[in-house]
């Protein structure tokens, strides 16, 4: 019993270590990581860096209207995840059609496009007057994750 409690405490401690992020100045980010971001997103502005679970997370804006981005980069410069803000109208037509069918009378808000490796998903909220759901869908609109908000 005591061994199980110690093991559980160790697992809990290790799992929460990555939950805490450290804000870091850009001059403390490895040059290969900064260069990777600058090559992929040359118009990035107002870049904020954090170190989370061994990955460098850059939050920044691009474009005239300040489109928000979050990019996770390994210390070797490889981008492993990119999340960008999208307008509802920039969703694939198949996603919009499927959401209108599956959630009639709901509006789509807070759209994000998430790219990991070669896989693209979309995360957004659908809201009605009485209900709100957070969804993750594939490019065809198939629901991969659904949570009441």
N, C-alpha and C. Protein backbone atom coordinates (compact mmCIF):
# COMPACT_ATOMS: atom_id res chain seq x y z
N UNK A 1 0.83 -1.19 0.00
CA UNK A 1 0.00 0.00 0.00
C UNK A 1 0.87 1.26 0.00
N UNK A 2 1.89 1.25 0.89
CA UNK A 2 2.79 2.41 0.97
C UNK A 2 3.53 2.59 -0.34
N UNK A 3 3.93 1.48 -0.97
CA UNK A 3 4.64 1.54 -2.25
C UNK A 3 3.75 2.16 -3.33
N UNK A 4 2.47 1.80 -3.36
CA UNK A 4 1.54 2.37 -4.35
C UNK A 4 1.37 3.87 -4.14
N UNK A 5 1.34 4.31 -2.88
CA UNK A 5 1.19 5.74 -2.61
C UNK A 5 2.42 6.50 -3.08
N UNK A 6 3.60 5.93 -2.83
CA UNK A 6 4.84 6.58 -3.26
C UNK A 6 4.91 6.64 -4.79
N UNK A 7 4.55 5.54 -5.43
CA UNK A 7 4.55 5.49 -6.89
C UNK A 7 3.57 6.51 -7.46
N UNK A 8 2.38 6.59 -6.87
CA UNK A 8 1.38 7.57 -7.33
C UNK A 8 1.88 8.99 -7.15
N UNK A 9 2.54 9.26 -6.03
CA UNK A 9 3.07 10.60 -5.78
C UNK A 9 4.15 10.96 -6.80
N UNK A 10 5.01 9.99 -7.12
CA UNK A 10 6.07 10.23 -8.12
C UNK A 10 5.47 10.50 -9.49
N UNK A 11 4.49 9.72 -9.87
CA UNK A 11 3.85 9.92 -11.18
C UNK A 11 3.19 11.29 -11.24
N UNK A 12 2.49 11.67 -10.18
CA UNK A 12 1.84 12.98 -10.14
C UNK A 12 2.88 14.10 -10.23
N UNK A 13 3.97 13.97 -9.50
CA UNK A 13 5.02 15.00 -9.52
C UNK A 13 5.64 15.12 -10.91
N UNK A 14 5.93 13.99 -11.54
CA UNK A 14 6.53 14.03 -12.88
C UNK A 14 5.57 14.57 -13.91
N UNK A 15 4.29 14.27 -13.78
CA UNK A 15 3.33 14.74 -14.78
C UNK A 15 3.06 16.23 -14.66
N UNK A 16 3.25 16.80 -13.49
CA UNK A 16 3.00 18.23 -13.35
C UNK A 16 4.21 19.09 -13.67
N UNK A 17 5.39 18.50 -13.77
CA UNK A 17 6.58 19.28 -14.10
C UNK A 17 6.40 19.99 -15.43
N UNK A 18 5.89 19.30 -16.44
CA UNK A 18 5.71 19.90 -17.76
C UNK A 18 4.59 20.92 -17.81
N UNK A 19 3.73 20.93 -16.78
CA UNK A 19 2.61 21.85 -16.80
C UNK A 19 3.05 23.29 -16.53
N UNK A 20 4.20 23.46 -15.92
CA UNK A 20 4.68 24.79 -15.62
C UNK A 20 5.59 25.28 -16.75
N UNK A 21 5.27 26.44 -17.25
CA UNK A 21 6.06 27.00 -18.35
C UNK A 21 6.94 28.11 -17.83
N UNK A 22 8.06 28.27 -18.48
CA UNK A 22 8.98 29.34 -18.13
C UNK A 22 9.02 30.34 -19.27
N UNK A 23 8.69 31.60 -18.99
CA UNK A 23 8.89 32.65 -19.98
C UNK A 23 10.38 32.88 -20.08
N UNK A 24 10.86 32.98 -21.31
CA UNK A 24 12.29 33.20 -21.50
C UNK A 24 12.51 34.28 -22.56
N UNK A 25 13.55 35.09 -22.39
CA UNK A 25 13.86 36.09 -23.42
C UNK A 25 14.44 35.39 -24.65
N UNK A 26 14.24 36.01 -25.80
CA UNK A 26 14.69 35.42 -27.05
C UNK A 26 16.20 35.15 -27.07
N UNK A 27 16.98 35.95 -26.38
CA UNK A 27 18.43 35.73 -26.39
C UNK A 27 18.84 34.47 -25.62
N UNK A 28 17.91 33.85 -24.92
CA UNK A 28 18.18 32.58 -24.25
C UNK A 28 17.62 31.38 -25.01
N UNK A 29 17.01 31.63 -26.16
CA UNK A 29 16.49 30.56 -27.02
C UNK A 29 17.61 30.17 -27.98
N UNK A 30 17.86 28.87 -28.17
CA UNK A 30 18.92 28.46 -29.10
C UNK A 30 18.73 29.09 -30.49
N UNK A 31 19.84 29.49 -31.09
CA UNK A 31 19.79 30.16 -32.40
C UNK A 31 19.09 29.30 -33.44
N UNK A 32 19.29 27.99 -33.42
CA UNK A 32 18.66 27.12 -34.41
C UNK A 32 17.13 27.17 -34.28
N UNK A 33 16.63 27.35 -33.06
CA UNK A 33 15.18 27.45 -32.83
C UNK A 33 14.65 28.78 -33.36
N UNK A 34 15.35 29.87 -33.03
CA UNK A 34 14.94 31.20 -33.50
C UNK A 34 15.00 31.25 -35.03
N UNK A 35 16.06 30.73 -35.62
CA UNK A 35 16.19 30.72 -37.08
C UNK A 35 15.09 29.92 -37.75
N UNK A 36 14.72 28.80 -37.16
CA UNK A 36 13.64 27.97 -37.70
C UNK A 36 12.34 28.76 -37.74
N UNK A 37 12.05 29.48 -36.66
CA UNK A 37 10.83 30.29 -36.62
C UNK A 37 10.89 31.40 -37.66
N UNK A 38 12.03 32.08 -37.74
CA UNK A 38 12.16 33.21 -38.67
C UNK A 38 12.08 32.77 -40.12
N UNK A 39 12.60 31.58 -40.44
CA UNK A 39 12.52 31.07 -41.81
C UNK A 39 11.10 30.71 -42.18
N UNK A 40 10.38 30.06 -41.27
CA UNK A 40 9.01 29.62 -41.55
C UNK A 40 8.01 30.77 -41.48
N UNK A 41 8.27 31.73 -40.59
CA UNK A 41 7.35 32.85 -40.37
C UNK A 41 8.13 34.16 -40.37
N UNK A 42 8.58 34.61 -41.55
CA UNK A 42 9.42 35.81 -41.60
C UNK A 42 8.69 37.09 -41.16
N UNK A 43 7.38 37.08 -41.16
CA UNK A 43 6.62 38.27 -40.77
C UNK A 43 6.11 38.20 -39.34
N UNK A 44 6.65 37.28 -38.55
CA UNK A 44 6.25 37.16 -37.15
C UNK A 44 6.65 38.42 -36.39
N UNK A 45 5.74 38.91 -35.58
CA UNK A 45 6.04 40.08 -34.76
C UNK A 45 5.49 39.85 -33.35
N UNK A 46 6.04 40.56 -32.40
CA UNK A 46 5.66 40.45 -30.99
C UNK A 46 5.77 39.00 -30.51
N UNK A 47 6.95 38.40 -30.72
CA UNK A 47 7.18 36.99 -30.37
C UNK A 47 7.45 36.87 -28.87
N UNK A 48 6.68 36.01 -28.21
CA UNK A 48 6.90 35.66 -26.81
C UNK A 48 7.33 34.21 -26.76
N UNK A 49 8.38 33.93 -26.00
CA UNK A 49 8.93 32.58 -25.90
C UNK A 49 8.66 31.99 -24.53
N UNK A 50 8.35 30.69 -24.53
CA UNK A 50 8.23 29.91 -23.30
C UNK A 50 8.90 28.57 -23.53
N UNK A 51 9.33 27.97 -22.45
CA UNK A 51 9.87 26.63 -22.50
C UNK A 51 8.90 25.73 -21.74
N UNK A 52 8.30 24.77 -22.46
CA UNK A 52 7.31 23.87 -21.89
C UNK A 52 7.68 22.44 -22.22
N UNK A 53 7.90 21.66 -21.19
CA UNK A 53 8.17 20.22 -21.36
C UNK A 53 9.25 19.96 -22.40
N UNK A 54 10.29 20.78 -22.40
CA UNK A 54 11.41 20.57 -23.32
C UNK A 54 11.20 21.12 -24.72
N UNK A 55 10.06 21.74 -24.98
CA UNK A 55 9.80 22.35 -26.28
C UNK A 55 9.75 23.87 -26.12
N UNK A 56 10.22 24.57 -27.14
CA UNK A 56 10.15 26.02 -27.17
C UNK A 56 8.83 26.40 -27.82
N UNK A 57 8.03 27.18 -27.11
CA UNK A 57 6.77 27.65 -27.66
C UNK A 57 6.90 29.13 -27.97
N UNK A 58 6.62 29.46 -29.22
CA UNK A 58 6.63 30.86 -29.63
C UNK A 58 5.19 31.29 -29.91
N UNK A 59 4.77 32.35 -29.27
CA UNK A 59 3.47 32.96 -29.55
C UNK A 59 3.74 34.28 -30.24
N UNK A 60 3.04 34.50 -31.37
CA UNK A 60 3.30 35.70 -32.14
C UNK A 60 2.11 36.03 -33.02
N UNK A 61 2.22 37.15 -33.69
CA UNK A 61 1.19 37.62 -34.62
C UNK A 61 1.81 37.82 -35.99
N UNK A 62 0.96 37.68 -37.00
CA UNK A 62 1.36 37.99 -38.38
C UNK A 62 0.24 38.78 -39.04
N UNK A 63 0.58 39.44 -40.10
CA UNK A 63 -0.42 40.11 -40.92
C UNK A 63 -0.87 41.46 -40.38
N UNK A 64 -1.64 42.12 -41.21
CA UNK A 64 -2.13 43.45 -40.92
C UNK A 64 -3.05 43.48 -39.70
N UNK A 65 -3.87 42.43 -39.55
CA UNK A 65 -4.85 42.41 -38.47
C UNK A 65 -4.39 41.56 -37.28
N UNK A 66 -3.14 41.14 -37.27
CA UNK A 66 -2.59 40.44 -36.13
C UNK A 66 -3.14 39.05 -35.91
N UNK A 67 -2.99 38.16 -36.89
CA UNK A 67 -3.42 36.78 -36.73
C UNK A 67 -2.53 36.10 -35.70
N UNK A 68 -3.16 35.48 -34.69
CA UNK A 68 -2.40 34.82 -33.62
C UNK A 68 -1.89 33.45 -34.06
N UNK A 69 -0.67 33.14 -33.63
CA UNK A 69 -0.03 31.85 -33.90
C UNK A 69 0.64 31.34 -32.63
N UNK A 70 0.69 30.03 -32.51
CA UNK A 70 1.50 29.36 -31.49
C UNK A 70 2.26 28.25 -32.21
N UNK A 71 3.57 28.20 -31.98
CA UNK A 71 4.41 27.20 -32.64
C UNK A 71 5.27 26.54 -31.57
N UNK A 72 5.32 25.20 -31.62
CA UNK A 72 6.16 24.43 -30.71
C UNK A 72 7.33 23.89 -31.52
N UNK A 73 8.55 24.15 -31.01
CA UNK A 73 9.77 23.82 -31.75
C UNK A 73 10.72 23.03 -30.84
N UNK A 74 11.25 21.94 -31.38
CA UNK A 74 12.25 21.17 -30.65
C UNK A 74 13.57 21.94 -30.61
N UNK A 75 14.47 21.56 -29.71
CA UNK A 75 15.73 22.28 -29.60
C UNK A 75 16.64 22.10 -30.81
N UNK A 76 16.28 21.19 -31.72
CA UNK A 76 17.04 21.04 -32.97
C UNK A 76 16.46 21.90 -34.10
N UNK A 77 15.40 22.66 -33.81
CA UNK A 77 14.80 23.54 -34.80
C UNK A 77 13.60 22.96 -35.53
N UNK A 78 13.25 21.71 -35.27
CA UNK A 78 12.10 21.09 -35.95
C UNK A 78 10.79 21.58 -35.33
N UNK A 79 9.93 22.10 -36.21
CA UNK A 79 8.61 22.54 -35.77
C UNK A 79 7.72 21.30 -35.66
N UNK A 80 7.17 21.09 -34.46
CA UNK A 80 6.36 19.89 -34.25
C UNK A 80 4.87 20.18 -34.18
N UNK A 81 4.51 21.45 -33.95
CA UNK A 81 3.09 21.80 -33.87
C UNK A 81 2.92 23.28 -34.19
N UNK A 82 1.86 23.58 -34.92
CA UNK A 82 1.55 24.98 -35.26
C UNK A 82 0.05 25.16 -35.10
N UNK A 83 -0.34 26.14 -34.30
CA UNK A 83 -1.75 26.47 -34.12
C UNK A 83 -1.94 27.92 -34.54
N UNK A 84 -2.88 28.12 -35.47
CA UNK A 84 -3.12 29.49 -35.94
C UNK A 84 -4.60 29.82 -35.90
N UNK A 85 -4.86 31.08 -35.61
CA UNK A 85 -6.22 31.59 -35.57
C UNK A 85 -6.74 31.71 -37.00
N UNK A 86 -8.00 31.30 -37.19
CA UNK A 86 -8.63 31.40 -38.50
C UNK A 86 -9.97 32.11 -38.39
N UNK A 87 -10.39 32.73 -39.48
CA UNK A 87 -11.75 33.23 -39.57
C UNK A 87 -12.65 32.04 -39.88
N UNK A 88 -13.88 32.09 -39.41
CA UNK A 88 -14.83 30.99 -39.65
C UNK A 88 -14.93 30.67 -41.14
N UNK A 89 -14.90 31.68 -41.97
CA UNK A 89 -15.04 31.47 -43.41
C UNK A 89 -13.83 30.79 -44.04
N UNK A 90 -12.72 30.70 -43.30
CA UNK A 90 -11.53 30.03 -43.81
C UNK A 90 -11.53 28.53 -43.54
N UNK A 91 -12.55 28.06 -42.81
CA UNK A 91 -12.69 26.61 -42.63
C UNK A 91 -12.99 25.97 -43.97
N UNK A 92 -12.57 24.71 -44.18
CA UNK A 92 -12.94 24.02 -45.41
C UNK A 92 -14.47 23.95 -45.54
N UNK A 93 -14.97 24.06 -46.75
CA UNK A 93 -16.42 24.07 -46.97
C UNK A 93 -17.08 22.82 -46.40
N UNK A 94 -16.39 21.68 -46.50
CA UNK A 94 -16.94 20.43 -45.96
C UNK A 94 -17.18 20.50 -44.46
N UNK A 95 -16.30 21.19 -43.75
CA UNK A 95 -16.46 21.34 -42.30
C UNK A 95 -17.68 22.20 -42.01
N UNK A 96 -17.82 23.31 -42.71
CA UNK A 96 -18.95 24.22 -42.48
C UNK A 96 -20.26 23.51 -42.78
N UNK A 97 -20.32 22.80 -43.90
CA UNK A 97 -21.55 22.08 -44.27
C UNK A 97 -21.91 21.04 -43.21
N UNK A 98 -20.92 20.28 -42.76
CA UNK A 98 -21.18 19.24 -41.76
C UNK A 98 -21.62 19.85 -40.43
N UNK A 99 -21.04 20.96 -40.03
CA UNK A 99 -21.43 21.60 -38.78
C UNK A 99 -22.86 22.15 -38.87
N UNK A 100 -23.24 22.71 -40.01
CA UNK A 100 -24.61 23.20 -40.17
C UNK A 100 -25.60 22.04 -40.09
N UNK A 101 -25.20 20.88 -40.58
CA UNK A 101 -26.07 19.70 -40.54
C UNK A 101 -26.14 19.12 -39.12
N UNK A 102 -24.97 18.97 -38.47
CA UNK A 102 -24.91 18.33 -37.16
C UNK A 102 -25.30 19.26 -36.00
N UNK A 103 -25.13 20.57 -36.20
CA UNK A 103 -25.44 21.55 -35.15
C UNK A 103 -26.28 22.68 -35.73
N UNK A 104 -27.52 22.37 -36.17
CA UNK A 104 -28.36 23.42 -36.77
C UNK A 104 -28.68 24.51 -35.74
N UNK A 105 -28.57 25.76 -36.19
CA UNK A 105 -28.86 26.89 -35.32
C UNK A 105 -27.68 27.32 -34.45
N UNK A 106 -26.57 26.61 -34.53
CA UNK A 106 -25.38 26.98 -33.76
C UNK A 106 -24.50 27.90 -34.60
N UNK A 107 -23.71 28.72 -33.92
CA UNK A 107 -22.73 29.55 -34.62
C UNK A 107 -21.33 29.04 -34.26
N UNK A 108 -20.42 29.20 -35.20
CA UNK A 108 -19.04 28.76 -35.02
C UNK A 108 -18.20 29.95 -34.57
N UNK A 109 -17.38 29.73 -33.52
CA UNK A 109 -16.53 30.80 -32.99
C UNK A 109 -15.17 30.25 -32.61
N UNK A 110 -14.21 31.16 -32.47
CA UNK A 110 -12.87 30.86 -31.94
C UNK A 110 -12.20 29.70 -32.70
N UNK A 111 -12.04 29.88 -34.00
CA UNK A 111 -11.52 28.82 -34.88
C UNK A 111 -9.99 28.81 -34.87
N UNK A 112 -9.44 27.61 -34.72
CA UNK A 112 -7.99 27.40 -34.78
C UNK A 112 -7.70 26.26 -35.74
N UNK A 113 -6.65 26.42 -36.53
CA UNK A 113 -6.14 25.35 -37.39
C UNK A 113 -4.88 24.82 -36.72
N UNK A 114 -4.83 23.50 -36.52
CA UNK A 114 -3.71 22.88 -35.83
C UNK A 114 -3.01 21.93 -36.79
N UNK A 115 -1.72 22.13 -36.97
CA UNK A 115 -0.92 21.26 -37.84
C UNK A 115 0.14 20.59 -36.99
N UNK A 116 0.12 19.25 -36.99
CA UNK A 116 1.14 18.45 -36.32
C UNK A 116 1.66 17.46 -37.33
N UNK A 117 2.98 17.54 -37.60
CA UNK A 117 3.57 16.76 -38.69
C UNK A 117 2.79 17.09 -39.96
N UNK A 118 2.18 16.12 -40.60
CA UNK A 118 1.39 16.36 -41.82
C UNK A 118 -0.11 16.34 -41.54
N UNK A 119 -0.51 16.19 -40.28
CA UNK A 119 -1.93 16.06 -39.91
C UNK A 119 -2.51 17.43 -39.56
N UNK A 120 -3.66 17.75 -40.16
CA UNK A 120 -4.35 19.02 -39.90
C UNK A 120 -5.67 18.72 -39.21
N UNK A 121 -5.94 19.46 -38.14
CA UNK A 121 -7.24 19.41 -37.48
C UNK A 121 -7.70 20.85 -37.24
N UNK A 122 -8.98 20.98 -36.94
CA UNK A 122 -9.55 22.29 -36.64
C UNK A 122 -10.23 22.21 -35.28
N UNK A 123 -9.99 23.20 -34.45
CA UNK A 123 -10.62 23.28 -33.13
C UNK A 123 -11.43 24.57 -33.08
N UNK A 124 -12.65 24.45 -32.59
CA UNK A 124 -13.51 25.63 -32.49
C UNK A 124 -14.65 25.35 -31.53
N UNK A 125 -15.42 26.40 -31.26
CA UNK A 125 -16.61 26.29 -30.42
C UNK A 125 -17.83 26.43 -31.31
N UNK A 126 -18.87 25.66 -30.98
CA UNK A 126 -20.18 25.87 -31.58
C UNK A 126 -21.11 26.27 -30.44
N UNK A 127 -21.87 27.34 -30.67
CA UNK A 127 -22.71 27.89 -29.61
C UNK A 127 -24.12 28.13 -30.10
N UNK A 128 -25.06 27.83 -29.21
CA UNK A 128 -26.45 28.23 -29.40
C UNK A 128 -26.81 29.09 -28.18
N UNK A 129 -28.07 29.43 -28.05
CA UNK A 129 -28.46 30.24 -26.88
C UNK A 129 -28.31 29.46 -25.58
N UNK A 130 -28.46 28.14 -25.66
CA UNK A 130 -28.47 27.35 -24.43
C UNK A 130 -27.30 26.37 -24.31
N UNK A 131 -26.62 26.07 -25.39
CA UNK A 131 -25.55 25.08 -25.36
C UNK A 131 -24.28 25.62 -26.00
N UNK A 132 -23.16 25.03 -25.55
CA UNK A 132 -21.87 25.38 -26.12
C UNK A 132 -21.00 24.14 -26.10
N UNK A 133 -20.37 23.85 -27.24
CA UNK A 133 -19.49 22.69 -27.36
C UNK A 133 -18.14 23.13 -27.88
N UNK A 134 -17.09 22.47 -27.41
CA UNK A 134 -15.76 22.63 -27.99
C UNK A 134 -15.53 21.39 -28.84
N UNK A 135 -15.16 21.61 -30.09
CA UNK A 135 -14.98 20.50 -31.03
C UNK A 135 -13.59 20.50 -31.63
N UNK A 136 -13.13 19.31 -31.97
CA UNK A 136 -11.95 19.12 -32.79
C UNK A 136 -12.40 18.23 -33.94
N UNK A 137 -12.16 18.70 -35.17
CA UNK A 137 -12.62 17.96 -36.35
C UNK A 137 -11.49 17.79 -37.35
N UNK A 138 -11.66 16.82 -38.23
CA UNK A 138 -10.69 16.65 -39.32
C UNK A 138 -11.11 17.54 -40.48
N UNK A 139 -10.34 17.61 -41.56
CA UNK A 139 -10.66 18.51 -42.67
C UNK A 139 -11.99 18.20 -43.39
N UNK A 140 -12.56 17.03 -43.15
CA UNK A 140 -13.85 16.69 -43.74
C UNK A 140 -15.01 17.01 -42.79
N UNK A 141 -14.70 17.43 -41.56
CA UNK A 141 -15.73 17.77 -40.60
C UNK A 141 -16.11 16.64 -39.65
N UNK A 142 -15.40 15.51 -39.74
CA UNK A 142 -15.67 14.41 -38.81
C UNK A 142 -15.17 14.80 -37.42
N UNK A 143 -16.00 14.60 -36.42
CA UNK A 143 -15.65 15.01 -35.06
C UNK A 143 -14.66 14.04 -34.46
N UNK A 144 -13.53 14.56 -34.04
CA UNK A 144 -12.47 13.77 -33.39
C UNK A 144 -12.54 13.93 -31.88
N UNK A 145 -13.06 15.05 -31.41
CA UNK A 145 -13.20 15.32 -29.99
C UNK A 145 -14.33 16.29 -29.76
N UNK A 146 -15.09 16.06 -28.67
CA UNK A 146 -16.26 16.88 -28.39
C UNK A 146 -16.40 17.00 -26.89
N UNK A 147 -16.54 18.26 -26.39
CA UNK A 147 -16.66 18.49 -24.96
C UNK A 147 -17.65 19.63 -24.73
N UNK A 148 -18.59 19.39 -23.82
CA UNK A 148 -19.54 20.46 -23.46
C UNK A 148 -18.78 21.53 -22.69
N UNK A 149 -19.05 22.77 -23.03
CA UNK A 149 -18.35 23.87 -22.36
C UNK A 149 -19.31 24.62 -21.46
